[in-house]
Amino acid sequence: TEKTPETVSGEAGSSMQEEENRRQAYTENTRISEVISDPAFGEYG
């Protein structure tokens, strides 16, 4: 609601979201099993 360090962080988060939108490792055709076993998630996938 106002310009604070937290707000600046939020703006950085928005930039990260835009970057995420450009980095789409998964698509609707990705197999569910591939997501579950992705090493990025470790045991909690």
PDB file of all heavy atoms in Angstrom:
ATOM      1  N   THR A   1       0.819  -1.211   0.000  1.00  0.00           N
ATOM      2  CA  THR A   1       0.000   0.000   0.000  1.00  0.00           C
ATOM      3  C   THR A   1       0.853   1.262   0.000  1.00  0.00           C
ATOM      4  O   THR A   1       0.345   2.345  -0.251  1.00  0.00           O
ATOM      5  CB  THR A   1      -0.929   0.029   1.221  1.00  0.00           C
ATOM      6  OG1 THR A   1      -0.134  -0.102   2.402  1.00  0.00           O
ATOM      7  CG2 THR A   1      -1.940  -1.097   1.146  1.00  0.00           C
ATOM      8  N   GLU A   2       2.138   1.126   0.308  1.00  0.00           N
ATOM      9  CA  GLU A   2       3.010   2.273   0.226  1.00  0.00           C
ATOM     10  C   GLU A   2       4.423   1.792  -0.066  1.00  0.00           C
ATOM     11  O   GLU A   2       4.728   0.611   0.057  1.00  0.00           O
ATOM     12  CB  GLU A   2       2.979   3.083   1.522  1.00  0.00           C
ATOM     13  CG  GLU A   2       3.342   2.265   2.757  1.00  0.00           C
ATOM     14  CD  GLU A   2       3.176   3.077   4.025  1.00  0.00           C
ATOM     15  OE1 GLU A   2       2.053   3.477   4.328  1.00  0.00           O
ATOM     16  OE2 GLU A   2       4.193   3.318   4.696  1.00  0.00           O
ATOM     17  N   LYS A   3       5.303   2.714  -0.452  1.00  0.00           N
ATOM     18  CA  LYS A   3       6.664   2.334  -0.832  1.00  0.00           C
ATOM     19  C   LYS A   3       7.490   2.039   0.422  1.00  0.00           C
ATOM     20  O   LYS A   3       7.946   2.952   1.114  1.00  0.00           O
ATOM     21  CB  LYS A   3       7.326   3.441  -1.646  1.00  0.00           C
ATOM     22  CG  LYS A   3       6.789   3.547  -3.056  1.00  0.00           C
ATOM     23  CD  LYS A   3       7.250   2.378  -3.909  1.00  0.00           C
ATOM     24  CE  LYS A   3       6.764   2.517  -5.341  1.00  0.00           C
ATOM     25  NZ  LYS A   3       7.203   1.408  -6.183  1.00  0.00           N
ATOM     26  N   THR A   4       7.645   0.769   0.731  1.00  0.00           N
ATOM     27  CA  THR A   4       8.467   0.321   1.844  1.00  0.00           C
ATOM     28  C   THR A   4       9.458  -0.691   1.293  1.00  0.00           C
ATOM     29  O   THR A   4       9.331  -1.136   0.144  1.00  0.00           O
ATOM     30  CB  THR A   4       7.602  -0.356   2.915  1.00  0.00           C
ATOM     31  OG1 THR A   4       7.039  -1.542   2.342  1.00  0.00           O
ATOM     32  CG2 THR A   4       6.486   0.565   3.390  1.00  0.00           C
ATOM     33  N   PRO A   5      10.443  -1.108   2.085  1.00  0.00           N
ATOM     34  CA  PRO A   5      11.332  -2.178   1.606  1.00  0.00           C
ATOM     35  C   PRO A   5      10.569  -3.419   1.195  1.00  0.00           C
ATOM     36  O   PRO A   5      10.937  -4.108   0.253  1.00  0.00           O
ATOM     37  CB  PRO A   5      12.233  -2.435   2.822  1.00  0.00           C
ATOM     38  CG  PRO A   5      12.269  -1.130   3.554  1.00  0.00           C
ATOM     39  CD  PRO A   5      10.890  -0.557   3.371  1.00  0.00           C
ATOM     40  N   GLU A   6       9.466  -3.690   1.924  1.00  0.00           N
ATOM     41  CA  GLU A   6       8.662  -4.853   1.570  1.00  0.00           C
ATOM     42  C   GLU A   6       8.018  -4.685   0.207  1.00  0.00           C
ATOM     43  O   GLU A   6       7.916  -5.632  -0.580  1.00  0.00           O
ATOM     44  CB  GLU A   6       7.581  -5.088   2.640  1.00  0.00           C
ATOM     45  CG  GLU A   6       8.129  -5.569   3.987  1.00  0.00           C
ATOM     46  CD  GLU A   6       8.668  -4.444   4.838  1.00  0.00           C
ATOM     47  OE1 GLU A   6       8.555  -3.265   4.427  1.00  0.00           O
ATOM     48  OE2 GLU A   6       9.227  -4.735   5.916  1.00  0.00           O
ATOM     49  N   THR A   7       7.567  -3.455  -0.098  1.00  0.00           N
ATOM     50  CA  THR A   7       6.958  -3.200  -1.388  1.00  0.00           C
ATOM     51  C   THR A   7       7.968  -3.367  -2.512  1.00  0.00           C
ATOM     52  O   THR A   7       7.674  -3.952  -3.553  1.00  0.00           O
ATOM     53  CB  THR A   7       6.375  -1.769  -1.431  1.00  0.00           C
ATOM     54  OG1 THR A   7       5.454  -1.630  -0.356  1.00  0.00           O
ATOM     55  CG2 THR A   7       5.664  -1.524  -2.749  1.00  0.00           C
ATOM     56  N   VAL A   8       9.176  -2.860  -2.276  1.00  0.00           N
ATOM     57  CA  VAL A   8      10.229  -3.018  -3.275  1.00  0.00           C
ATOM     58  C   VAL A   8      10.488  -4.489  -3.518  1.00  0.00           C
ATOM     59  O   VAL A   8      10.659  -4.946  -4.646  1.00  0.00           O
ATOM     60  CB  VAL A   8      11.513  -2.305  -2.805  1.00  0.00           C
ATOM     61  CG1 VAL A   8      12.653  -2.604  -3.764  1.00  0.00           C
ATOM     62  CG2 VAL A   8      11.282  -0.801  -2.725  1.00  0.00           C
ATOM     63  N   SER A   9      10.479  -5.276  -2.408  1.00  0.00           N
ATOM     64  CA  SER A   9      10.652  -6.723  -2.556  1.00  0.00           C
ATOM     65  C   SER A   9       9.531  -7.314  -3.379  1.00  0.00           C
ATOM     66  O   SER A   9       9.732  -8.203  -4.201  1.00  0.00           O
ATOM     67  CB  SER A   9      10.694  -7.392  -1.171  1.00  0.00           C
ATOM     68  OG  SER A   9      10.700  -8.781  -1.293  1.00  0.00           O
ATOM     69  N   GLY A  10       8.301  -6.799  -3.160  1.00  0.00           N
ATOM     70  CA  GLY A  10       7.169  -7.294  -3.927  1.00  0.00           C
ATOM     71  C   GLY A  10       7.317  -7.010  -5.402  1.00  0.00           C
ATOM     72  O   GLY A  10       6.956  -7.829  -6.245  1.00  0.00           O
ATOM     73  N   GLU A  11       7.870  -5.817  -5.719  1.00  0.00           N
ATOM     74  CA  GLU A  11       8.089  -5.485  -7.115  1.00  0.00           C
ATOM     75  C   GLU A  11       9.129  -6.411  -7.728  1.00  0.00           C
ATOM     76  O   GLU A  11       9.010  -6.826  -8.881  1.00  0.00           O
ATOM     77  CB  GLU A  11       8.524  -4.029  -7.229  1.00  0.00           C
ATOM     78  CG  GLU A  11       7.403  -3.050  -6.866  1.00  0.00           C
ATOM     79  CD  GLU A  11       7.877  -1.615  -6.817  1.00  0.00           C
ATOM     80  OE1 GLU A  11       9.115  -1.407  -6.831  1.00  0.00           O
ATOM     81  OE2 GLU A  11       7.039  -0.710  -6.747  1.00  0.00           O
ATOM     82  N   ALA A  12      10.151  -6.759  -6.901  1.00  0.00           N
ATOM     83  CA  ALA A  12      11.147  -7.712  -7.381  1.00  0.00           C
ATOM     84  C   ALA A  12      10.497  -9.065  -7.611  1.00  0.00           C
ATOM     85  O   ALA A  12      10.818  -9.778  -8.557  1.00  0.00           O
ATOM     86  CB  ALA A  12      12.283  -7.835  -6.357  1.00  0.00           C
ATOM     87  N   GLY A  13       9.526  -9.381  -6.722  1.00  0.00           N
ATOM     88  CA  GLY A  13       8.812 -10.644  -6.889  1.00  0.00           C
ATOM     89  C   GLY A  13       8.010 -10.666  -8.168  1.00  0.00           C
ATOM     90  O   GLY A  13       7.904 -11.694  -8.836  1.00  0.00           O
ATOM     91  N   SER A  14       7.455  -9.504  -8.549  1.00  0.00           N
ATOM     92  CA  SER A  14       6.702  -9.423  -9.793  1.00  0.00           C
ATOM     93  C   SER A  14       7.619  -9.660 -10.985  1.00  0.00           C
ATOM     94  O   SER A  14       7.244 -10.310 -11.960  1.00  0.00           O
ATOM     95  CB  SER A  14       6.041  -8.044  -9.907  1.00  0.00           C
ATOM     96  OG  SER A  14       5.100  -7.865  -8.866  1.00  0.00           O
ATOM     97  N   SER A  15       8.841  -9.125 -10.892  1.00  0.00           N
ATOM     98  CA  SER A  15       9.802  -9.354 -11.962  1.00  0.00           C
ATOM     99  C   SER A  15      10.148 -10.826 -12.065  1.00  0.00           C
ATOM    100  O   SER A  15      10.288 -11.376 -13.164  1.00  0.00           O
ATOM    101  CB  SER A  15      11.078  -8.534 -11.705  1.00  0.00           C
ATOM    102  OG  SER A  15      10.790  -7.151 -11.718  1.00  0.00           O
ATOM    103  N   MET A  16      10.266 -11.476 -10.895  1.00  0.00           N
ATOM    104  CA  MET A  16      10.568 -12.899 -10.902  1.00  0.00           C
ATOM    105  C   MET A  16       9.415 -13.677 -11.514  1.00  0.00           C
ATOM    106  O   MET A  16       9.618 -14.653 -12.238  1.00  0.00           O
ATOM    107  CB  MET A  16      10.838 -13.395  -9.479  1.00  0.00           C
ATOM    108  CG  MET A  16      11.271 -14.848  -9.418  1.00  0.00           C
ATOM    109  SD  MET A  16      11.840 -15.341  -7.792  1.00  0.00           S
ATOM    110  CE  MET A  16      12.380 -17.024  -8.151  1.00  0.00           C
ATOM    111  N   GLN A  17       8.178 -13.224 -11.233  1.00  0.00           N
ATOM    112  CA  GLN A  17       7.016 -13.896 -11.812  1.00  0.00           C
ATOM    113  C   GLN A  17       7.043 -13.774 -13.331  1.00  0.00           C
ATOM    114  O   GLN A  17       6.737 -14.737 -14.047  1.00  0.00           O
ATOM    115  CB  GLN A  17       5.721 -13.277 -11.259  1.00  0.00           C
ATOM    116  CG  GLN A  17       4.453 -13.936 -11.766  1.00  0.00           C
ATOM    117  CD  GLN A  17       4.329 -15.372 -11.316  1.00  0.00           C
ATOM    118  OE1 GLN A  17       4.533 -15.678 -10.153  1.00  0.00           O
ATOM    119  NE2 GLN A  17       4.004 -16.265 -12.238  1.00  0.00           N
ATOM    120  N   GLU A  18       7.412 -12.594 -13.830  1.00  0.00           N
ATOM    121  CA  GLU A  18       7.506 -12.414 -15.272  1.00  0.00           C
ATOM    122  C   GLU A  18       8.565 -13.341 -15.858  1.00  0.00           C
ATOM    123  O   GLU A  18       8.388 -13.908 -16.943  1.00  0.00           O
ATOM    124  CB  GLU A  18       7.835 -10.955 -15.584  1.00  0.00           C
ATOM    125  CG  GLU A  18       6.698  -9.985 -15.236  1.00  0.00           C
ATOM    126  CD  GLU A  18       7.106  -8.543 -15.402  1.00  0.00           C
ATOM    127  OE1 GLU A  18       8.280  -8.303 -15.800  1.00  0.00           O
ATOM    128  OE2 GLU A  18       6.286  -7.648 -15.135  1.00  0.00           O
ATOM    129  N   GLU A  19       9.686 -13.477 -15.122  1.00  0.00           N
ATOM    130  CA  GLU A  19      10.746 -14.365 -15.591  1.00  0.00           C
ATOM    131  C   GLU A  19      10.254 -15.808 -15.584  1.00  0.00           C
ATOM    132  O   GLU A  19      10.555 -16.589 -16.496  1.00  0.00           O
ATOM    133  CB  GLU A  19      11.976 -14.221 -14.681  1.00  0.00           C
ATOM    134  CG  GLU A  19      13.133 -15.153 -15.036  1.00  0.00           C
ATOM    135  CD  GLU A  19      13.707 -14.920 -16.429  1.00  0.00           C
ATOM    136  OE1 GLU A  19      13.504 -13.806 -16.971  1.00  0.00           O
ATOM    137  OE2 GLU A  19      14.340 -15.829 -16.970  1.00  0.00           O
ATOM    138  N   GLU A  20       9.477 -16.178 -14.542  1.00  0.00           N
ATOM    139  CA  GLU A  20       8.929 -17.529 -14.480  1.00  0.00           C
ATOM    140  C   GLU A  20       8.044 -17.817 -15.684  1.00  0.00           C
ATOM    141  O   GLU A  20       8.062 -18.916 -16.238  1.00  0.00           O
ATOM    142  CB  GLU A  20       8.118 -17.714 -13.196  1.00  0.00           C
ATOM    143  CG  GLU A  20       8.965 -17.867 -11.954  1.00  0.00           C
ATOM    144  CD  GLU A  20       8.109 -18.094 -10.726  1.00  0.00           C
ATOM    145  OE1 GLU A  20       6.901 -18.361 -10.899  1.00  0.00           O
ATOM    146  OE2 GLU A  20       8.629 -18.010  -9.616  1.00  0.00           O
ATOM    147  N   ASN A  21       7.251 -16.829 -16.068  1.00  0.00           N
ATOM    148  CA  ASN A  21       6.362 -17.022 -17.209  1.00  0.00           C
ATOM    149  C   ASN A  21       7.131 -17.318 -18.490  1.00  0.00           C
ATOM    150  O   ASN A  21       6.612 -17.949 -19.408  1.00  0.00           O
ATOM    151  CB  ASN A  21       5.484 -15.781 -17.402  1.00  0.00           C
ATOM    152  CG  ASN A  21       4.481 -15.616 -16.268  1.00  0.00           C
ATOM    153  OD1 ASN A  21       4.154 -16.572 -15.575  1.00  0.00           O
ATOM    154  ND2 ASN A  21       4.011 -14.392 -16.076  1.00  0.00           N
ATOM    155  N   ARG A  22       8.384 -16.841 -18.528  1.00  0.00           N
ATOM    156  CA  ARG A  22       9.207 -17.108 -19.710  1.00  0.00           C
ATOM    157  C   ARG A  22       9.904 -18.458 -19.616  1.00  0.00           C
ATOM    158  O   ARG A  22      10.401 -18.985 -20.604  1.00  0.00           O
ATOM    159  CB  ARG A  22      10.239 -15.989 -19.874  1.00  0.00           C
ATOM    160  CG  ARG A  22       9.640 -14.650 -20.306  1.00  0.00           C
ATOM    161  CD  ARG A  22      10.738 -13.686 -20.720  1.00  0.00           C
ATOM    162  NE  ARG A  22      11.526 -13.234 -19.577  1.00  0.00           N
ATOM    163  CZ  ARG A  22      11.233 -12.158 -18.860  1.00  0.00           C
ATOM    164  NH1 ARG A  22      10.168 -11.426 -19.167  1.00  0.00           N
ATOM    165  NH2 ARG A  22      11.994 -11.796 -17.849  1.00  0.00           N
ATOM    166  N   ARG A  23       9.980 -18.999 -18.385  1.00  0.00           N
ATOM    167  CA  ARG A  23      10.671 -20.263 -18.174  1.00  0.00           C
ATOM    168  C   ARG A  23       9.644 -21.338 -17.830  1.00  0.00           C
ATOM    169  O   ARG A  23       9.379 -21.617 -16.681  1.00  0.00           O
ATOM    170  CB  ARG A  23      11.704 -20.137 -17.052  1.00  0.00           C
ATOM    171  CG  ARG A  23      12.883 -19.247 -17.414  1.00  0.00           C
ATOM    172  CD  ARG A  23      13.926 -19.243 -16.318  1.00  0.00           C
ATOM    173  NE  ARG A  23      13.468 -18.534 -15.138  1.00  0.00           N
ATOM    174  CZ  ARG A  23      13.573 -19.009 -13.899  1.00  0.00           C
ATOM    175  NH1 ARG A  23      14.086 -20.187 -13.680  1.00  0.00           N
ATOM    176  NH2 ARG A  23      13.151 -18.293 -12.876  1.00  0.00           N
ATOM    177  N   GLN A  24       9.053 -21.918 -18.827  1.00  0.00           N
ATOM    178  CA  GLN A  24       8.017 -22.918 -18.642  1.00  0.00           C
ATOM    179  C   GLN A  24       8.588 -24.302 -18.909  1.00  0.00           C
ATOM    180  O   GLN A  24       8.561 -24.792 -20.042  1.00  0.00           O
ATOM    181  CB  GLN A  24       6.829 -22.629 -19.560  1.00  0.00           C
ATOM    182  CG  GLN A  24       6.149 -21.300 -19.296  1.00  0.00           C
ATOM    183  CD  GLN A  24       5.358 -21.306 -17.992  1.00  0.00           C
ATOM    184  OE1 GLN A  24       4.461 -22.119 -17.803  1.00  0.00           O
ATOM    185  NE2 GLN A  24       5.691 -20.414 -17.087  1.00  0.00           N
ATOM    186  N   ALA A  25       9.126 -24.913 -17.866  1.00  0.00           N
ATOM    187  CA  ALA A  25       9.698 -26.257 -18.029  1.00  0.00           C
ATOM    188  C   ALA A  25       8.611 -27.288 -18.280  1.00  0.00           C
ATOM    189  O   ALA A  25       8.816 -28.267 -18.995  1.00  0.00           O
ATOM    190  CB  ALA A  25      10.502 -26.638 -16.790  1.00  0.00           C
ATOM    191  N   TYR A  26       7.448 -27.055 -17.685  1.00  0.00           N
ATOM    192  CA  TYR A  26       6.330 -27.978 -17.823  1.00  0.00           C
ATOM    193  C   TYR A  26       5.253 -27.382 -18.726  1.00  0.00           C
ATOM    194  O   TYR A  26       5.065 -26.159 -18.764  1.00  0.00           O
ATOM    195  CB  TYR A  26       5.691 -28.280 -16.471  1.00  0.00           C
ATOM    196  CG  TYR A  26       6.618 -28.820 -15.421  1.00  0.00           C
ATOM    197  CD1 TYR A  26       6.640 -28.253 -14.140  1.00  0.00           C
ATOM    198  CD2 TYR A  26       7.456 -29.908 -15.662  1.00  0.00           C
ATOM    199  CE1 TYR A  26       7.470 -28.751 -13.151  1.00  0.00           C
ATOM    200  CE2 TYR A  26       8.286 -30.413 -14.674  1.00  0.00           C
ATOM    201  CZ  TYR A  26       8.293 -29.830 -13.422  1.00  0.00           C
ATOM    202  OH  TYR A  26       9.116 -30.320 -12.438  1.00  0.00           O
ATOM    203  N   THR A  27       4.533 -28.234 -19.406  1.00  0.00           N
ATOM    204  CA  THR A  27       3.390 -27.822 -20.223  1.00  0.00           C
ATOM    205  C   THR A  27       2.215 -28.748 -19.886  1.00  0.00           C
ATOM    206  O   THR A  27       2.346 -29.667 -19.071  1.00  0.00           O
ATOM    207  CB  THR A  27       3.695 -27.941 -21.724  1.00  0.00           C
ATOM    208  OG1 THR A  27       3.794 -29.338 -22.073  1.00  0.00           O
ATOM    209  CG2 THR A  27       5.007 -27.234 -22.070  1.00  0.00           C
ATOM    210  N   GLU A  28       1.100 -28.506 -20.519  1.00  0.00           N
ATOM    211  CA  GLU A  28      -0.053 -29.362 -20.276  1.00  0.00           C
ATOM    212  C   GLU A  28       0.200 -30.791 -20.736  1.00  0.00           C
ATOM    213  O   GLU A  28      -0.491 -31.722 -20.306  1.00  0.00           O
ATOM    214  CB  GLU A  28      -1.295 -28.794 -20.977  1.00  0.00           C
ATOM    215  CG  GLU A  28      -1.798 -27.490 -20.364  1.00  0.00           C
ATOM    216  CD  GLU A  28      -3.122 -27.029 -20.944  1.00  0.00           C
ATOM    217  OE1 GLU A  28      -3.802 -27.856 -21.607  1.00  0.00           O
ATOM    218  OE2 GLU A  28      -3.473 -25.844 -20.762  1.00  0.00           O
ATOM    219  N   ASN A  29       1.193 -30.981 -21.577  1.00  0.00           N
ATOM    220  CA  ASN A  29       1.521 -32.331 -22.067  1.00  0.00           C
ATOM    221  C   ASN A  29       2.527 -33.056 -21.183  1.00  0.00           C
ATOM    222  O   ASN A  29       2.834 -34.232 -21.423  1.00  0.00           O
ATOM    223  CB  ASN A  29       2.057 -32.253 -23.493  1.00  0.00           C
ATOM    224  CG  ASN A  29       1.009 -31.782 -24.477  1.00  0.00           C
ATOM    225  OD1 ASN A  29      -0.167 -32.147 -24.367  1.00  0.00           O
ATOM    226  ND2 ASN A  29       1.411 -30.950 -25.426  1.00  0.00           N
ATOM    227  N   THR A  30       3.040 -32.371 -20.167  1.00  0.00           N
ATOM    228  CA  THR A  30       4.001 -33.003 -19.258  1.00  0.00           C
ATOM    229  C   THR A  30       3.303 -34.076 -18.428  1.00  0.00           C
ATOM    230  O   THR A  30       2.213 -33.849 -17.897  1.00  0.00           O
ATOM    231  CB  THR A  30       4.626 -31.962 -18.314  1.00  0.00           C
ATOM    232  OG1 THR A  30       5.276 -30.951 -19.082  1.00  0.00           O
ATOM    233  CG2 THR A  30       5.632 -32.618 -17.373  1.00  0.00           C
ATOM    234  N   ARG A  31       3.947 -35.214 -18.288  1.00  0.00           N
ATOM    235  CA  ARG A  31       3.372 -36.301 -17.504  1.00  0.00           C
ATOM    236  C   ARG A  31       3.456 -35.974 -16.016  1.00  0.00           C
ATOM    237  O   ARG A  31       4.449 -35.423 -15.532  1.00  0.00           O
ATOM    238  CB  ARG A  31       4.085 -37.622 -17.790  1.00  0.00           C
ATOM    239  CG  ARG A  31       3.929 -38.092 -19.237  1.00  0.00           C
ATOM    240  CD  ARG A  31       4.573 -39.448 -19.465  1.00  0.00           C
ATOM    241  NE  ARG A  31       3.836 -40.497 -18.755  1.00  0.00           N
ATOM    242  CZ  ARG A  31       2.756 -41.107 -19.242  1.00  0.00           C
ATOM    243  NH1 ARG A  31       2.259 -40.762 -20.428  1.00  0.00           N
ATOM    244  NH2 ARG A  31       2.153 -42.047 -18.549  1.00  0.00           N
ATOM    245  N   ILE A  32       2.407 -36.309 -15.290  1.00  0.00           N
ATOM    246  CA  ILE A  32       2.362 -36.070 -13.850  1.00  0.00           C
ATOM    247  C   ILE A  32       3.520 -36.784 -13.156  1.00  0.00           C
ATOM    248  O   ILE A  32       4.147 -36.244 -12.238  1.00  0.00           O
ATOM    249  CB  ILE A  32       1.007 -36.530 -13.289  1.00  0.00           C
ATOM    250  CG1 ILE A  32      -0.121 -35.629 -13.826  1.00  0.00           C
ATOM    251  CG2 ILE A  32       1.011 -36.521 -11.760  1.00  0.00           C
ATOM    252  CD1 ILE A  32      -1.520 -36.123 -13.521  1.00  0.00           C
ATOM    253  N   SER A  33       3.817 -37.986 -13.614  1.00  0.00           N
ATOM    254  CA  SER A  33       4.916 -38.753 -13.018  1.00  0.00           C
ATOM    255  C   SER A  33       6.247 -38.032 -13.156  1.00  0.00           C
ATOM    256  O   SER A  33       7.141 -38.156 -12.308  1.00  0.00           O
ATOM    257  CB  SER A  33       4.997 -40.141 -13.656  1.00  0.00           C
ATOM    258  OG  SER A  33       5.200 -40.048 -15.063  1.00  0.00           O
ATOM    259  N   GLU A  34       6.409 -37.257 -14.237  1.00  0.00           N
ATOM    260  CA  GLU A  34       7.644 -36.502 -14.456  1.00  0.00           C
ATOM    261  C   GLU A  34       7.811 -35.409 -13.416  1.00  0.00           C
ATOM    262  O   GLU A  34       8.921 -35.136 -12.935  1.00  0.00           O
ATOM    263  CB  GLU A  34       7.637 -35.907 -15.864  1.00  0.00           C
ATOM    264  CG  GLU A  34       8.879 -35.108 -16.219  1.00  0.00           C
ATOM    265  CD  GLU A  34       8.813 -34.512 -17.613  1.00  0.00           C
ATOM    266  OE1 GLU A  34       8.085 -35.063 -18.463  1.00  0.00           O
ATOM    267  OE2 GLU A  34       9.491 -33.480 -17.844  1.00  0.00           O
ATOM    268  N   VAL A  35       6.698 -34.772 -13.059  1.00  0.00           N
ATOM    269  CA  VAL A  35       6.741 -33.727 -12.032  1.00  0.00           C
ATOM    270  C   VAL A  35       7.068 -34.348 -10.672  1.00  0.00           C
ATOM    271  O   VAL A  35       7.929 -33.848  -9.932  1.00  0.00           O
ATOM    272  CB  VAL A  35       5.398 -32.972 -11.960  1.00  0.00           C
ATOM    273  CG1 VAL A  35       5.430 -31.930 -10.845  1.00  0.00           C
ATOM    274  CG2 VAL A  35       5.086 -32.314 -13.298  1.00  0.00           C
ATOM    275  N   ILE A  36       6.397 -35.431 -10.343  1.00  0.00           N
ATOM    276  CA  ILE A  36       6.598 -36.074  -9.048  1.00  0.00           C
ATOM    277  C   ILE A  36       8.049 -36.486  -8.841  1.00  0.00           C
ATOM    278  O   ILE A  36       8.604 -36.343  -7.746  1.00  0.00           O
ATOM    279  CB  ILE A  36       5.669 -37.303  -8.914  1.00  0.00           C
ATOM    280  CG1 ILE A  36       4.199 -36.843  -8.843  1.00  0.00           C
ATOM    281  CG2 ILE A  36       6.026 -38.142  -7.690  1.00  0.00           C
ATOM    282  CD1 ILE A  36       3.202 -37.984  -8.876  1.00  0.00           C
ATOM    283  N   SER A  37       8.690 -36.972  -9.904  1.00  0.00           N
ATOM    284  CA  SER A  37      10.063 -37.478  -9.800  1.00  0.00           C
ATOM    285  C   SER A  37      11.130 -36.445 -10.119  1.00  0.00           C
ATOM    286  O   SER A  37      12.321 -36.770 -10.119  1.00  0.00           O
ATOM    287  CB  SER A  37      10.232 -38.689 -10.721  1.00  0.00           C
ATOM    288  OG  SER A  37      10.016 -38.326 -12.080  1.00  0.00           O
ATOM    289  N   ASP A  38      10.728 -35.196 -10.370  1.00  0.00           N
ATOM    290  CA  ASP A  38      11.692 -34.162 -10.715  1.00  0.00           C
ATOM    291  C   ASP A  38      12.681 -33.973  -9.560  1.00  0.00           C
ATOM    292  O   ASP A  38      12.277 -33.728  -8.417  1.00  0.00           O
ATOM    293  CB  ASP A  38      10.961 -32.849 -10.997  1.00  0.00           C
ATOM    294  CG  ASP A  38      11.858 -31.815 -11.662  1.00  0.00           C
ATOM    295  OD1 ASP A  38      13.029 -31.679 -11.267  1.00  0.00           O
ATOM    296  OD2 ASP A  38      11.373 -31.129 -12.585  1.00  0.00           O
ATOM    297  N   PRO A  39      13.990 -34.047  -9.816  1.00  0.00           N
ATOM    298  CA  PRO A  39      14.991 -33.871  -8.761  1.00  0.00           C
ATOM    299  C   PRO A  39      14.886 -32.531  -8.043  1.00  0.00           C
ATOM    300  O   PRO A  39      15.331 -32.407  -6.890  1.00  0.00           O
ATOM    301  CB  PRO A  39      16.319 -33.977  -9.522  1.00  0.00           C
ATOM    302  CG  PRO A  39      16.002 -34.777 -10.744  1.00  0.00           C
ATOM    303  CD  PRO A  39      14.606 -34.382 -11.122  1.00  0.00           C
ATOM    304  N   ALA A  40      14.296 -31.536  -8.674  1.00  0.00           N
ATOM    305  CA  ALA A  40      14.159 -30.220  -8.032  1.00  0.00           C
ATOM    306  C   ALA A  40      13.349 -30.304  -6.755  1.00  0.00           C
ATOM    307  O   ALA A  40      13.536 -29.508  -5.824  1.00  0.00           O
ATOM    308  CB  ALA A  40      13.502 -29.234  -9.000  1.00  0.00           C
ATOM    309  N   PHE A  41      12.436 -31.287  -6.684  1.00  0.00           N
ATOM    310  CA  PHE A  41      11.545 -31.393  -5.538  1.00  0.00           C
ATOM    311  C   PHE A  41      12.007 -32.389  -4.480  1.00  0.00           C
ATOM    312  O   PHE A  41      11.448 -32.424  -3.380  1.00  0.00           O
ATOM    313  CB  PHE A  41      10.137 -31.770  -6.010  1.00  0.00           C
ATOM    314  CG  PHE A  41       9.541 -30.787  -6.981  1.00  0.00           C
ATOM    315  CD1 PHE A  41       8.972 -31.220  -8.167  1.00  0.00           C
ATOM    316  CD2 PHE A  41       9.575 -29.433  -6.718  1.00  0.00           C
ATOM    317  CE1 PHE A  41       8.427 -30.324  -9.069  1.00  0.00           C
ATOM    318  CE2 PHE A  41       9.034 -28.516  -7.622  1.00  0.00           C
ATOM    319  CZ  PHE A  41       8.459 -28.971  -8.796  1.00  0.00           C
ATOM    320  N   GLY A  42      12.983 -33.201  -4.816  1.00  0.00           N
ATOM    321  CA  GLY A  42      13.457 -34.163  -3.830  1.00  0.00           C
ATOM    322  C   GLY A  42      12.350 -35.109  -3.399  1.00  0.00           C
ATOM    323  O   GLY A  42      11.487 -35.498  -4.188  1.00  0.00           O
ATOM    324  N   GLU A  43      12.353 -35.454  -2.108  1.00  0.00           N
ATOM    325  CA  GLU A  43      11.416 -36.447  -1.595  1.00  0.00           C
ATOM    326  C   GLU A  43       9.979 -35.938  -1.508  1.00  0.00           C
ATOM    327  O   GLU A  43       9.046 -36.733  -1.424  1.00  0.00           O
ATOM    328  CB  GLU A  43      11.865 -36.932  -0.222  1.00  0.00           C
ATOM    329  CG  GLU A  43      13.187 -37.698  -0.236  1.00  0.00           C
ATOM    330  CD  GLU A  43      13.557 -38.234   1.120  1.00  0.00           C
ATOM    331  OE1 GLU A  43      12.795 -37.956   2.086  1.00  0.00           O
ATOM    332  OE2 GLU A  43      14.589 -38.917   1.240  1.00  0.00           O
ATOM    333  N   TYR A  44       9.785 -34.614  -1.523  1.00  0.00           N
ATOM    334  CA  TYR A  44       8.426 -34.100  -1.341  1.00  0.00           C
ATOM    335  C   TYR A  44       7.654 -33.966  -2.653  1.00  0.00           C
ATOM    336  O   TYR A  44       6.482 -33.573  -2.654  1.00  0.00           O
ATOM    337  CB  TYR A  44       8.434 -32.763  -0.596  1.00  0.00           C
ATOM    338  CG  TYR A  44       9.188 -31.643  -1.271  1.00  0.00           C
ATOM    339  CD1 TYR A  44       8.589 -30.879  -2.273  1.00  0.00           C
ATOM    340  CD2 TYR A  44      10.480 -31.326  -0.898  1.00  0.00           C
ATOM    341  CE1 TYR A  44       9.266 -29.843  -2.888  1.00  0.00           C
ATOM    342  CE2 TYR A  44      11.179 -30.284  -1.507  1.00  0.00           C
ATOM    343  CZ  TYR A  44      10.562 -29.541  -2.500  1.00  0.00           C
ATOM    344  OH  TYR A  44      11.228 -28.519  -3.114  1.00  0.00           O
ATOM    345  N   GLY A  45       8.277 -34.311  -3.774  1.00  0.00           N
ATOM    346  CA  GLY A  45       7.561 -34.254  -5.047  1.00  0.00           C
ATOM    347  C   GLY A  45       6.314 -35.109  -5.044  1.00  0.00           C
ATOM    348  O   GLY A  45       5.311 -34.778  -5.687  1.00  0.00           O
TER     349      GLY A  45
END
